[in-house]
Amino acid sequence: MTMKPPAALAFTIVAAISTIHCASSNSPTAPSGGSAISGVTLTASTLSVGTTAQGPVTLSTPATTATTVTLTTSNAQIVSVQTPVTIAVGGTTASFAIRAIGPGTATITASAGGSTRQSPTVTVTGQAFAVSVSLAASTVVGGNQVNGTITLGAPAPAGGAVITLSATDPLIVPATLTVPAGSTTATFIVTTRAVGGTITGTITVIYGDATASVTLSATKPTVATARFGVTGPTETETCTLANDGATLDCTFNGSTSSAPGNIVAWDWSWGVATTFTQTTTGPILTMPRVSCALIPPPPLPADKQWFTMTVTLKIHDDLGNVSAAAINSDVRLIPKGACGF
């Protein structure tokens, strides 16, 4: 038998090794679950901005261990994608969600181990999310309110556009606001609390995947200002006679008053035919004391079921400041069977 020269034999061995190596590099590497990704599909090929779709990612054979699949989008300005998802042991599929953000086309790529697959192209139509927020003022005395406006980059869709709002102390805003269908703007009210110095809060609004923010500074008051509300047992701006006409069943609340110093006294007055007064060291007066002299004698006018009562408040702070009187002349006073009624 003829023997090959050593050099020829070495060349044959090297060529064989090279052939084996090249064949393995062209085969996808299976993920740790023991099988490769065989496909990525979507439930819709066309989406409108703001809508979502589902898509299963599928393995070629059942997973032998829990398999984590990472999903990426080719353009995050067009669609966002839920990632990662896990295919359970023995399973072959897992669902993920995509959300349409702006007009254009994109694809989703699934990866696990060394195996990857790409979805068909998804087309997004419509206007991209865009939102801005503005305020009527950049500063406000703490305890007061400011009007805000939200503006969309395109008219709100059918059913309206729901905006999510949040704010940091000392600002308070509604949790959500709906821009009516076909409109691009909506207004809201920013409430602030009384502060002892200047505090700047931030208001953030979110519409879809668009976010905007604005700041508002609440400042310490320079003058004393009295503010109050009246709440009854069942509704606001209403009091009823109680305890045979000895008290009013309602509460006067002056906690939204503000002053440069610490408020130390709240001077209340209330009356119809006769005026009663009381000074409190706190902002709330519950069940104010009265007598039947508060109201005219029976009967009530034929066309009325209550008297109209006037309530006033002045405040004093520890720096000597005194507010002007805050007046509410439209409080309903219902006799409710007391004092001969």
C-alpha atoms as a PDB file:
ATOM      1  CA  MET A   1       0.000   0.000   0.000  1.00  0.00           C
ATOM      2  CA  THR A   2       1.261   3.458  -0.922  1.00  0.00           C
ATOM      3  CA  MET A   3       1.707   5.824   2.063  1.00  0.00           C
ATOM      4  CA  LYS A   4       0.948   9.598   1.803  1.00  0.00           C
ATOM      5  CA  PRO A   5       3.824  11.907   2.552  1.00  0.00           C
ATOM      6  CA  PRO A   6       3.601  13.474   6.021  1.00  0.00           C
ATOM      7  CA  ALA A   7       3.017  16.938   4.524  1.00  0.00           C
ATOM      8  CA  ALA A   8       0.041  15.748   2.467  1.00  0.00           C
ATOM      9  CA  LEU A   9      -1.444  13.977   5.507  1.00  0.00           C
ATOM     10  CA  ALA A  10      -1.161  17.138   7.607  1.00  0.00           C
ATOM     11  CA  PHE A  11      -2.907  19.159   4.919  1.00  0.00           C
ATOM     12  CA  THR A  12      -5.793  16.650   4.811  1.00  0.00           C
ATOM     13  CA  ILE A  13      -6.303  16.809   8.594  1.00  0.00           C
ATOM     14  CA  VAL A  14      -6.262  20.632   8.635  1.00  0.00           C
ATOM     15  CA  ALA A  15      -8.786  20.768   5.788  1.00  0.00           C
ATOM     16  CA  ALA A  16     -11.128  18.397   7.609  1.00  0.00           C
ATOM     17  CA  ILE A  17     -10.997  20.411  10.825  1.00  0.00           C
ATOM     18  CA  SER A  18     -11.676  23.594   8.899  1.00  0.00           C
ATOM     19  CA  THR A  19     -14.706  22.019   7.215  1.00  0.00           C
ATOM     20  CA  ILE A  20     -16.193  20.916  10.563  1.00  0.00           C
ATOM     21  CA  HIS A  21     -15.670  24.385  12.116  1.00  0.00           C
ATOM     22  CA  CYS A  22     -17.365  26.219   9.249  1.00  0.00           C
ATOM     23  CA  ALA A  23     -20.441  23.957   9.351  1.00  0.00           C
ATOM     24  CA  SER A  24     -21.030  24.597  13.078  1.00  0.00           C
ATOM     25  CA  SER A  25     -20.721  28.402  12.733  1.00  0.00           C
ATOM     26  CA  ASN A  26     -23.551  28.418  10.208  1.00  0.00           C
ATOM     27  CA  SER A  27     -25.971  26.680  12.626  1.00  0.00           C
ATOM     28  CA  PRO A  28     -27.948  28.788  15.169  1.00  0.00           C
ATOM     29  CA  THR A  29     -26.953  28.231  18.768  1.00  0.00           C
ATOM     30  CA  ALA A  30     -29.835  26.899  20.829  1.00  0.00           C
ATOM     31  CA  PRO A  31     -30.786  28.834  23.973  1.00  0.00           C
ATOM     32  CA  SER A  32     -30.358  27.378  27.424  1.00  0.00           C
ATOM     33  CA  GLY A  33     -33.875  25.935  27.139  1.00  0.00           C
ATOM     34  CA  GLY A  34     -32.558  23.510  24.545  1.00  0.00           C
ATOM     35  CA  SER A  35     -34.285  24.810  21.391  1.00  0.00           C
ATOM     36  CA  ALA A  36     -34.011  27.699  18.969  1.00  0.00           C
ATOM     37  CA  ILE A  37     -36.530  30.461  18.266  1.00  0.00           C
ATOM     38  CA  SER A  38     -38.540  29.439  15.224  1.00  0.00           C
ATOM     39  CA  GLY A  39     -40.673  32.544  14.741  1.00  0.00           C
ATOM     40  CA  VAL A  40     -41.985  35.913  15.910  1.00  0.00           C
ATOM     41  CA  THR A  41     -45.440  36.979  14.731  1.00  0.00           C
ATOM     42  CA  LEU A  42     -47.831  39.871  15.453  1.00  0.00           C
ATOM     43  CA  THR A  43     -51.623  39.918  15.654  1.00  0.00           C
ATOM     44  CA  ALA A  44     -51.761  42.987  13.403  1.00  0.00           C
ATOM     45  CA  SER A  45     -49.555  44.356  10.645  1.00  0.00           C
ATOM     46  CA  THR A  46     -51.027  47.862  10.833  1.00  0.00           C
ATOM     47  CA  LEU A  47     -51.673  49.861  14.017  1.00  0.00           C
ATOM     48  CA  SER A  48     -52.902  53.349  14.845  1.00  0.00           C
ATOM     49  CA  VAL A  49     -50.913  55.519  17.237  1.00  0.00           C
ATOM     50  CA  GLY A  50     -51.933  54.700  20.803  1.00  0.00           C
ATOM     51  CA  THR A  51     -53.140  51.156  20.090  1.00  0.00           C
ATOM     52  CA  THR A  52     -51.498  47.865  21.036  1.00  0.00           C
ATOM     53  CA  ALA A  53     -51.028  44.415  19.558  1.00  0.00           C
ATOM     54  CA  GLN A  54     -49.936  41.028  20.861  1.00  0.00           C
ATOM     55  CA  GLY A  55     -47.322  38.739  19.421  1.00  0.00           C
ATOM     56  CA  PRO A  56     -46.258  35.192  20.243  1.00  0.00           C
ATOM     57  CA  VAL A  57     -42.609  34.175  20.104  1.00  0.00           C
ATOM     58  CA  THR A  58     -42.222  30.465  19.370  1.00  0.00           C
ATOM     59  CA  LEU A  59     -39.502  27.856  19.981  1.00  0.00           C
ATOM     60  CA  SER A  60     -38.791  25.049  17.539  1.00  0.00           C
ATOM     61  CA  THR A  61     -39.130  22.409  20.302  1.00  0.00           C
ATOM     62  CA  PRO A  62     -40.475  22.458  23.859  1.00  0.00           C
ATOM     63  CA  ALA A  63     -38.197  24.222  26.355  1.00  0.00           C
ATOM     64  CA  THR A  64     -36.290  21.859  28.653  1.00  0.00           C
ATOM     65  CA  THR A  65     -35.645  24.707  31.111  1.00  0.00           C
ATOM     66  CA  ALA A  66     -37.352  28.082  31.584  1.00  0.00           C
ATOM     67  CA  THR A  67     -36.219  30.177  28.621  1.00  0.00           C
ATOM     68  CA  THR A  68     -35.934  33.965  28.817  1.00  0.00           C
ATOM     69  CA  VAL A  69     -36.530  35.746  25.515  1.00  0.00           C
ATOM     70  CA  THR A  70     -35.380  39.339  25.000  1.00  0.00           C
ATOM     71  CA  LEU A  71     -37.383  41.460  22.563  1.00  0.00           C
ATOM     72  CA  THR A  72     -36.131  44.645  20.912  1.00  0.00           C
ATOM     73  CA  THR A  73     -37.712  47.148  18.549  1.00  0.00           C
ATOM     74  CA  SER A  74     -35.961  48.427  15.450  1.00  0.00           C
ATOM     75  CA  ASN A  75     -37.289  51.932  16.140  1.00  0.00           C
ATOM     76  CA  ALA A  76     -38.368  52.983  19.627  1.00  0.00           C
ATOM     77  CA  GLN A  77     -40.015  56.110  18.156  1.00  0.00           C
ATOM     78  CA  ILE A  78     -42.428  53.911  16.200  1.00  0.00           C
ATOM     79  CA  VAL A  79     -43.277  51.045  18.579  1.00  0.00           C
ATOM     80  CA  SER A  80     -42.318  49.998  22.102  1.00  0.00           C
ATOM     81  CA  VAL A  81     -42.187  46.340  23.097  1.00  0.00           C
ATOM     82  CA  GLN A  82     -42.653  44.365  26.316  1.00  0.00           C
ATOM     83  CA  THR A  83     -39.413  42.618  27.312  1.00  0.00           C
ATOM     84  CA  PRO A  84     -38.325  40.115  28.477  1.00  0.00           C
ATOM     85  CA  VAL A  85     -40.802  37.241  28.390  1.00  0.00           C
ATOM     86  CA  THR A  86     -40.308  33.701  29.679  1.00  0.00           C
ATOM     87  CA  ILE A  87     -41.249  30.418  28.042  1.00  0.00           C
ATOM     88  CA  ALA A  88     -41.989  27.865  30.744  1.00  0.00           C
ATOM     89  CA  VAL A  89     -40.503  24.381  30.875  1.00  0.00           C
ATOM     90  CA  GLY A  90     -42.318  22.206  28.338  1.00  0.00           C
ATOM     91  CA  GLY A  91     -43.769  25.215  26.557  1.00  0.00           C
ATOM     92  CA  THR A  92     -43.060  26.508  23.083  1.00  0.00           C
ATOM     93  CA  THR A  93     -44.589  30.004  23.099  1.00  0.00           C
ATOM     94  CA  ALA A  94     -44.858  33.206  25.127  1.00  0.00           C
ATOM     95  CA  SER A  95     -46.881  36.333  24.373  1.00  0.00           C
ATOM     96  CA  PHE A  96     -45.582  39.890  24.368  1.00  0.00           C
ATOM     97  CA  ALA A  97     -47.225  43.255  23.704  1.00  0.00           C
ATOM     98  CA  ILE A  98     -46.218  46.145  21.479  1.00  0.00           C
ATOM     99  CA  ARG A  99     -47.560  49.710  21.597  1.00  0.00           C
ATOM    100  CA  ALA A 100     -47.767  52.090  18.642  1.00  0.00           C
ATOM    101  CA  ILE A 101     -46.102  55.408  19.429  1.00  0.00           C
ATOM    102  CA  GLY A 102     -45.521  57.286  16.171  1.00  0.00           C
ATOM    103  CA  PRO A 103     -46.113  56.894  12.420  1.00  0.00           C
ATOM    104  CA  GLY A 104     -43.713  54.716  10.427  1.00  0.00           C
ATOM    105  CA  THR A 105     -42.576  51.098  10.178  1.00  0.00           C
ATOM    106  CA  ALA A 106     -40.658  48.850  12.563  1.00  0.00           C
ATOM    107  CA  THR A 107     -39.842  45.217  13.295  1.00  0.00           C
ATOM    108  CA  ILE A 108     -39.449  43.248  16.523  1.00  0.00           C
ATOM    109  CA  THR A 109     -36.457  40.971  17.115  1.00  0.00           C
ATOM    110  CA  ALA A 110     -36.560  38.092  19.598  1.00  0.00           C
ATOM    111  CA  SER A 111     -33.312  36.714  21.077  1.00  0.00           C
ATOM    112  CA  ALA A 112     -32.587  33.790  23.378  1.00  0.00           C
ATOM    113  CA  GLY A 113     -29.108  32.338  23.742  1.00  0.00           C
ATOM    114  CA  GLY A 114     -27.610  32.539  20.291  1.00  0.00           C
ATOM    115  CA  SER A 115     -30.923  32.224  18.483  1.00  0.00           C
ATOM    116  CA  THR A 116     -32.692  35.255  16.948  1.00  0.00           C
ATOM    117  CA  ARG A 117     -35.712  35.797  14.738  1.00  0.00           C
ATOM    118  CA  GLN A 118     -37.371  38.935  13.389  1.00  0.00           C
ATOM    119  CA  SER A 119     -41.067  39.693  13.078  1.00  0.00           C
ATOM    120  CA  PRO A 120     -42.801  40.895   9.928  1.00  0.00           C
ATOM    121  CA  THR A 121     -42.888  44.671   9.499  1.00  0.00           C
ATOM    122  CA  VAL A 122     -45.571  46.543  11.413  1.00  0.00           C
ATOM    123  CA  THR A 123     -46.861  49.859  10.031  1.00  0.00           C
ATOM    124  CA  VAL A 124     -48.086  52.591  12.398  1.00  0.00           C
ATOM    125  CA  THR A 125     -50.417  55.294  11.132  1.00  0.00           C
ATOM    126  CA  GLY A 126     -51.728  58.515  12.683  1.00  0.00           C
ATOM    127  CA  GLN A 127     -50.234  61.424  14.614  1.00  0.00           C
ATOM    128  CA  ALA A 128     -47.437  60.889  17.123  1.00  0.00           C
ATOM    129  CA  PHE A 129     -48.242  61.581  20.756  1.00  0.00           C
ATOM    130  CA  ALA A 130     -47.378  65.144  21.743  1.00  0.00           C
ATOM    131  CA  VAL A 131     -48.420  67.089  24.849  1.00  0.00           C
ATOM    132  CA  SER A 132     -47.486  70.335  26.561  1.00  0.00           C
ATOM    133  CA  VAL A 133     -48.619  72.041  29.753  1.00  0.00           C
ATOM    134  CA  SER A 134     -48.696  75.725  30.711  1.00  0.00           C
ATOM    135  CA  LEU A 135     -49.828  77.791  33.698  1.00  0.00           C
ATOM    136  CA  ALA A 136     -51.445  81.208  33.973  1.00  0.00           C
ATOM    137  CA  ALA A 137     -48.679  82.263  36.406  1.00  0.00           C
ATOM    138  CA  SER A 138     -45.249  81.007  37.446  1.00  0.00           C
ATOM    139  CA  THR A 139     -45.646  82.059  41.097  1.00  0.00           C
ATOM    140  CA  VAL A 140     -48.593  82.171  43.482  1.00  0.00           C
ATOM    141  CA  VAL A 141     -49.125  82.990  47.124  1.00  0.00           C
ATOM    142  CA  GLY A 142     -49.505  79.682  48.943  1.00  0.00           C
ATOM    143  CA  GLY A 143     -53.149  78.830  49.542  1.00  0.00           C
ATOM    144  CA  ASN A 144     -54.306  80.290  46.224  1.00  0.00           C
ATOM    145  CA  GLN A 145     -55.091  78.580  42.922  1.00  0.00           C
ATOM    146  CA  VAL A 146     -53.680  78.840  39.406  1.00  0.00           C
ATOM    147  CA  ASN A 147     -55.276  77.784  36.110  1.00  0.00           C
ATOM    148  CA  GLY A 148     -53.392  75.334  33.909  1.00  0.00           C
ATOM    149  CA  THR A 149     -53.806  74.343  30.261  1.00  0.00           C
ATOM    150  CA  ILE A 150     -52.886  71.080  28.531  1.00  0.00           C
ATOM    151  CA  THR A 151     -52.311  71.192  24.771  1.00  0.00           C
ATOM    152  CA  LEU A 152     -52.090  68.186  22.446  1.00  0.00           C
ATOM    153  CA  GLY A 153     -50.124  68.070  19.209  1.00  0.00           C
ATOM    154  CA  ALA A 154     -53.190  66.769  17.341  1.00  0.00           C
ATOM    155  CA  PRO A 155     -56.964  66.683  17.990  1.00  0.00           C
ATOM    156  CA  ALA A 156     -58.033  64.142  20.588  1.00  0.00           C
ATOM    157  CA  PRO A 157     -59.407  60.886  19.154  1.00  0.00           C
ATOM    158  CA  ALA A 158     -62.978  59.623  19.493  1.00  0.00           C
ATOM    159  CA  GLY A 159     -63.802  59.178  23.168  1.00  0.00           C
ATOM    160  CA  GLY A 160     -61.317  61.893  24.153  1.00  0.00           C
ATOM    161  CA  ALA A 161     -57.684  61.802  25.249  1.00  0.00           C
ATOM    162  CA  VAL A 162     -57.081  60.889  28.894  1.00  0.00           C
ATOM    163  CA  ILE A 163     -54.176  62.792  30.406  1.00  0.00           C
ATOM    164  CA  THR A 164     -52.487  61.660  33.621  1.00  0.00           C
ATOM    165  CA  LEU A 165     -51.342  64.440  35.981  1.00  0.00           C
ATOM    166  CA  SER A 166     -49.147  64.460  39.081  1.00  0.00           C
ATOM    167  CA  ALA A 167     -47.569  67.188  41.197  1.00  0.00           C
ATOM    168  CA  THR A 168     -45.016  67.571  43.947  1.00  0.00           C
ATOM    169  CA  ASP A 169     -45.558  69.472  47.199  1.00  0.00           C
ATOM    170  CA  PRO A 170     -46.924  72.121  47.710  1.00  0.00           C
ATOM    171  CA  LEU A 171     -49.015  71.686  44.553  1.00  0.00           C
ATOM    172  CA  ILE A 172     -52.181  69.603  44.107  1.00  0.00           C
ATOM    173  CA  VAL A 173     -53.695  68.687  40.716  1.00  0.00           C
ATOM    174  CA  PRO A 174     -56.437  66.299  39.553  1.00  0.00           C
ATOM    175  CA  ALA A 175     -55.205  62.752  38.859  1.00  0.00           C
ATOM    176  CA  THR A 176     -56.604  62.714  35.312  1.00  0.00           C
ATOM    177  CA  LEU A 177     -58.041  65.105  32.764  1.00  0.00           C
ATOM    178  CA  THR A 178     -59.856  64.304  29.518  1.00  0.00           C
ATOM    179  CA  VAL A 179     -59.360  66.404  26.412  1.00  0.00           C
ATOM    180  CA  PRO A 180     -62.677  66.159  24.499  1.00  0.00           C
ATOM    181  CA  ALA A 181     -62.715  64.368  21.147  1.00  0.00           C
ATOM    182  CA  GLY A 182     -61.663  66.684  18.332  1.00  0.00           C
ATOM    183  CA  SER A 183     -60.194  69.272  20.725  1.00  0.00           C
ATOM    184  CA  THR A 184     -56.520  69.994  21.378  1.00  0.00           C
ATOM    185  CA  THR A 185     -56.795  71.727  24.781  1.00  0.00           C
ATOM    186  CA  ALA A 186     -58.308  71.313  28.237  1.00  0.00           C
ATOM    187  CA  THR A 187     -57.908  73.338  31.439  1.00  0.00           C
ATOM    188  CA  PHE A 188     -57.402  72.317  35.051  1.00  0.00           C
ATOM    189  CA  ILE A 189     -56.899  73.992  38.440  1.00  0.00           C
ATOM    190  CA  VAL A 190     -53.713  73.838  40.502  1.00  0.00           C
ATOM    191  CA  THR A 191     -54.331  74.150  44.244  1.00  0.00           C
ATOM    192  CA  THR A 192     -51.521  75.163  46.594  1.00  0.00           C
ATOM    193  CA  ARG A 193     -51.080  75.021  50.340  1.00  0.00           C
ATOM    194  CA  ALA A 194     -49.926  77.862  52.566  1.00  0.00           C
ATOM    195  CA  VAL A 195     -46.132  77.926  52.927  1.00  0.00           C
ATOM    196  CA  GLY A 196     -43.663  79.643  55.242  1.00  0.00           C
ATOM    197  CA  GLY A 197     -41.237  80.468  52.418  1.00  0.00           C
ATOM    198  CA  THR A 198     -40.868  79.938  48.694  1.00  0.00           C
ATOM    199  CA  ILE A 199     -41.314  76.290  47.600  1.00  0.00           C
ATOM    200  CA  THR A 200     -41.248  75.251  43.951  1.00  0.00           C
ATOM    201  CA  GLY A 201     -43.286  72.251  42.849  1.00  0.00           C
ATOM    202  CA  THR A 202     -43.386  70.399  39.538  1.00  0.00           C
ATOM    203  CA  ILE A 203     -46.476  69.370  37.584  1.00  0.00           C
ATOM    204  CA  THR A 204     -46.034  66.413  35.211  1.00  0.00           C
ATOM    205  CA  VAL A 205     -48.515  65.373  32.522  1.00  0.00           C
ATOM    206  CA  ILE A 206     -48.438  62.131  30.528  1.00  0.00           C
ATOM    207  CA  TYR A 207     -50.309  61.353  27.312  1.00  0.00           C
ATOM    208  CA  GLY A 208     -49.506  57.955  25.859  1.00  0.00           C
ATOM    209  CA  ASP A 209     -45.724  57.904  25.694  1.00  0.00           C
ATOM    210  CA  ALA A 210     -45.357  61.699  25.671  1.00  0.00           C
ATOM    211  CA  THR A 211     -44.468  63.595  28.847  1.00  0.00           C
ATOM    212  CA  ALA A 212     -44.313  67.294  29.695  1.00  0.00           C
ATOM    213  CA  SER A 213     -43.763  69.256  32.898  1.00  0.00           C
ATOM    214  CA  VAL A 214     -43.922  72.769  34.296  1.00  0.00           C
ATOM    215  CA  THR A 215     -42.937  74.350  37.621  1.00  0.00           C
ATOM    216  CA  LEU A 216     -44.880  76.635  39.942  1.00  0.00           C
ATOM    217  CA  SER A 217     -43.486  78.455  42.975  1.00  0.00           C
ATOM    218  CA  ALA A 218     -45.668  78.975  46.052  1.00  0.00           C
ATOM    219  CA  THR A 219     -44.552  81.950  48.111  1.00  0.00           C
ATOM    220  CA  LYS A 220     -45.100  83.197  51.614  1.00  0.00           C
ATOM    221  CA  PRO A 221     -47.909  85.786  51.803  1.00  0.00           C
ATOM    222  CA  THR A 222     -47.074  89.458  52.287  1.00  0.00           C
ATOM    223  CA  VAL A 223     -50.513  90.389  53.640  1.00  0.00           C
ATOM    224  CA  ALA A 224     -53.026  88.589  55.818  1.00  0.00           C
ATOM    225  CA  THR A 225     -55.892  87.098  53.800  1.00  0.00           C
ATOM    226  CA  ALA A 226     -58.956  85.416  55.308  1.00  0.00           C
ATOM    227  CA  ARG A 227     -60.612  82.565  53.436  1.00  0.00           C
ATOM    228  CA  PHE A 228     -63.221  80.102  54.643  1.00  0.00           C
ATOM    229  CA  GLY A 229     -65.901  77.635  53.682  1.00  0.00           C
ATOM    230  CA  VAL A 230     -69.189  76.549  55.256  1.00  0.00           C
ATOM    231  CA  THR A 231     -70.211  72.882  55.256  1.00  0.00           C
ATOM    232  CA  GLY A 232     -73.488  71.474  56.538  1.00  0.00           C
ATOM    233  CA  PRO A 233     -74.530  67.946  57.477  1.00  0.00           C
ATOM    234  CA  THR A 234     -75.506  67.092  53.894  1.00  0.00           C
ATOM    235  CA  GLU A 235     -74.282  69.917  51.637  1.00  0.00           C
ATOM    236  CA  THR A 236     -72.032  72.969  51.473  1.00  0.00           C
ATOM    237  CA  GLU A 237     -73.107  76.555  52.162  1.00  0.00           C
ATOM    238  CA  THR A 238     -75.921  75.273  54.404  1.00  0.00           C
ATOM    239  CA  CYS A 239     -76.622  75.335  58.154  1.00  0.00           C
ATOM    240  CA  THR A 240     -79.612  74.016  60.071  1.00  0.00           C
ATOM    241  CA  LEU A 241     -80.883  75.031  63.511  1.00  0.00           C
ATOM    242  CA  ALA A 242     -80.223  72.308  66.107  1.00  0.00           C
ATOM    243  CA  ASN A 243     -80.689  71.746  69.848  1.00  0.00           C
ATOM    244  CA  ASP A 244     -83.975  73.714  69.902  1.00  0.00           C
ATOM    245  CA  GLY A 245     -82.307  76.681  68.229  1.00  0.00           C
ATOM    246  CA  ALA A 246     -79.238  76.798  70.515  1.00  0.00           C
ATOM    247  CA  THR A 247     -76.658  75.843  67.877  1.00  0.00           C
ATOM    248  CA  LEU A 248     -76.128  75.645  64.145  1.00  0.00           C
ATOM    249  CA  ASP A 249     -75.483  72.234  62.648  1.00  0.00           C
ATOM    250  CA  CYS A 250     -72.621  73.223  60.331  1.00  0.00           C
ATOM    251  CA  THR A 251     -68.902  73.999  60.369  1.00  0.00           C
ATOM    252  CA  PHE A 252     -66.984  77.165  59.496  1.00  0.00           C
ATOM    253  CA  ASN A 253     -63.511  76.302  58.194  1.00  0.00           C
ATOM    254  CA  GLY A 254     -60.876  79.029  57.764  1.00  0.00           C
ATOM    255  CA  SER A 255     -57.872  76.741  57.296  1.00  0.00           C
ATOM    256  CA  THR A 256     -57.103  78.128  53.819  1.00  0.00           C
ATOM    257  CA  SER A 257     -56.429  81.597  55.272  1.00  0.00           C
ATOM    258  CA  SER A 258     -52.859  82.887  55.016  1.00  0.00           C
ATOM    259  CA  ALA A 259     -50.702  85.559  56.636  1.00  0.00           C
ATOM    260  CA  PRO A 260     -47.026  86.631  56.810  1.00  0.00           C
ATOM    261  CA  GLY A 261     -46.826  85.400  60.410  1.00  0.00           C
ATOM    262  CA  ASN A 262     -48.481  82.596  62.297  1.00  0.00           C
ATOM    263  CA  ILE A 263     -52.254  83.030  62.479  1.00  0.00           C
ATOM    264  CA  VAL A 264     -53.263  83.219  66.140  1.00  0.00           C
ATOM    265  CA  ALA A 265     -56.933  84.270  66.028  1.00  0.00           C
ATOM    266  CA  TRP A 266     -59.949  83.773  63.787  1.00  0.00           C
ATOM    267  CA  ASP A 267     -62.776  86.313  64.357  1.00  0.00           C
ATOM    268  CA  TRP A 268     -66.106  84.874  63.197  1.00  0.00           C
ATOM    269  CA  SER A 269     -69.505  86.523  62.864  1.00  0.00           C
ATOM    270  CA  TRP A 270     -72.787  85.151  61.516  1.00  0.00           C
ATOM    271  CA  GLY A 271     -76.329  86.454  61.477  1.00  0.00           C
ATOM    272  CA  VAL A 272     -79.716  86.927  59.881  1.00  0.00           C
ATOM    273  CA  ALA A 273     -81.872  89.160  62.122  1.00  0.00           C
ATOM    274  CA  THR A 274     -79.218  89.220  64.878  1.00  0.00           C
ATOM    275  CA  THR A 275     -75.451  88.781  64.544  1.00  0.00           C
ATOM    276  CA  PHE A 276     -73.423  86.428  66.755  1.00  0.00           C
ATOM    277  CA  THR A 277     -69.640  86.496  67.120  1.00  0.00           C
ATOM    278  CA  GLN A 278     -66.886  84.203  68.378  1.00  0.00           C
ATOM    279  CA  THR A 279     -63.093  84.231  68.267  1.00  0.00           C
ATOM    280  CA  THR A 280     -61.278  80.910  67.945  1.00  0.00           C
ATOM    281  CA  THR A 281     -57.604  80.033  68.294  1.00  0.00           C
ATOM    282  CA  GLY A 282     -57.891  77.441  65.538  1.00  0.00           C
ATOM    283  CA  PRO A 283     -59.267  77.697  62.008  1.00  0.00           C
ATOM    284  CA  ILE A 284     -62.385  75.557  62.526  1.00  0.00           C
ATOM    285  CA  LEU A 285     -65.596  76.491  64.324  1.00  0.00           C
ATOM    286  CA  THR A 286     -68.036  73.598  64.705  1.00  0.00           C
ATOM    287  CA  MET A 287     -71.679  73.925  65.806  1.00  0.00           C
ATOM    288  CA  PRO A 288     -71.642  77.737  66.284  1.00  0.00           C
ATOM    289  CA  ARG A 289     -73.728  78.953  69.254  1.00  0.00           C
ATOM    290  CA  VAL A 290     -76.935  80.899  68.556  1.00  0.00           C
ATOM    291  CA  SER A 291     -80.430  81.535  69.930  1.00  0.00           C
ATOM    292  CA  CYS A 292     -83.804  81.963  68.327  1.00  0.00           C
ATOM    293  CA  ALA A 293     -83.031  85.679  68.116  1.00  0.00           C
ATOM    294  CA  LEU A 294     -80.780  84.773  65.159  1.00  0.00           C
ATOM    295  CA  ILE A 295     -83.790  84.662  62.822  1.00  0.00           C
ATOM    296  CA  PRO A 296     -87.052  86.570  62.393  1.00  0.00           C
ATOM    297  CA  PRO A 297     -90.165  85.078  64.059  1.00  0.00           C
ATOM    298  CA  PRO A 298     -92.354  82.648  62.115  1.00  0.00           C
ATOM    299  CA  PRO A 299     -93.593  82.146  59.553  1.00  0.00           C
ATOM    300  CA  LEU A 300     -91.152  81.771  56.673  1.00  0.00           C
ATOM    301  CA  PRO A 301     -92.054  83.679  53.519  1.00  0.00           C
ATOM    302  CA  ALA A 302     -94.404  81.572  51.411  1.00  0.00           C
ATOM    303  CA  ASP A 303     -91.893  81.191  48.581  1.00  0.00           C
ATOM    304  CA  LYS A 304     -88.894  80.179  50.777  1.00  0.00           C
ATOM    305  CA  GLN A 305     -87.782  77.221  52.843  1.00  0.00           C
ATOM    306  CA  TRP A 306     -84.753  78.873  54.447  1.00  0.00           C
ATOM    307  CA  PHE A 307     -83.238  82.174  55.544  1.00  0.00           C
ATOM    308  CA  THR A 308     -80.134  83.668  53.936  1.00  0.00           C
ATOM    309  CA  MET A 309     -77.327  84.074  56.480  1.00  0.00           C
ATOM    310  CA  THR A 310     -74.146  86.144  56.235  1.00  0.00           C
ATOM    311  CA  VAL A 311     -70.901  84.731  57.636  1.00  0.00           C
ATOM    312  CA  THR A 312     -67.667  86.751  57.927  1.00  0.00           C
ATOM    313  CA  LEU A 313     -64.085  86.050  59.008  1.00  0.00           C
ATOM    314  CA  LYS A 314     -61.089  88.171  59.951  1.00  0.00           C
ATOM    315  CA  ILE A 315     -57.718  86.722  60.946  1.00  0.00           C
ATOM    316  CA  HIS A 316     -54.835  88.016  63.102  1.00  0.00           C
ATOM    317  CA  ASP A 317     -51.225  86.832  62.947  1.00  0.00           C
ATOM    318  CA  ASP A 318     -48.443  87.076  65.546  1.00  0.00           C
ATOM    319  CA  LEU A 319     -46.776  89.930  63.618  1.00  0.00           C
ATOM    320  CA  GLY A 320     -49.761  92.202  64.163  1.00  0.00           C
ATOM    321  CA  ASN A 321     -51.272  91.772  60.700  1.00  0.00           C
ATOM    322  CA  VAL A 322     -55.078  91.772  60.446  1.00  0.00           C
ATOM    323  CA  SER A 323     -56.905  90.707  57.313  1.00  0.00           C
ATOM    324  CA  ALA A 324     -59.828  92.348  55.606  1.00  0.00           C
ATOM    325  CA  ALA A 325     -63.124  90.587  56.252  1.00  0.00           C
ATOM    326  CA  ALA A 326     -63.949  87.640  54.059  1.00  0.00           C
ATOM    327  CA  ILE A 327     -67.732  87.608  53.540  1.00  0.00           C
ATOM    328  CA  ASN A 328     -70.183  84.947  52.378  1.00  0.00           C
ATOM    329  CA  SER A 329     -73.700  86.359  52.158  1.00  0.00           C
ATOM    330  CA  ASP A 330     -75.299  83.305  50.544  1.00  0.00           C
ATOM    331  CA  VAL A 331     -75.314  80.691  53.310  1.00  0.00           C
ATOM    332  CA  ARG A 332     -78.668  78.909  53.610  1.00  0.00           C
ATOM    333  CA  LEU A 333     -80.094  78.624  57.135  1.00  0.00           C
ATOM    334  CA  ILE A 334     -82.872  76.049  57.497  1.00  0.00           C
ATOM    335  CA  PRO A 335     -85.039  76.328  60.677  1.00  0.00           C
ATOM    336  CA  LYS A 336     -85.871  72.597  60.559  1.00  0.00           C
ATOM    337  CA  GLY A 337     -88.678  72.745  63.174  1.00  0.00           C
ATOM    338  CA  ALA A 338     -86.795  74.881  65.731  1.00  0.00           C
ATOM    339  CA  CYS A 339     -87.861  78.251  67.170  1.00  0.00           C
ATOM    340  CA  GLY A 340     -91.527  77.778  66.293  1.00  0.00           C
ATOM    341  CA  PHE A 341     -91.000  76.847  62.652  1.00  0.00           C
END
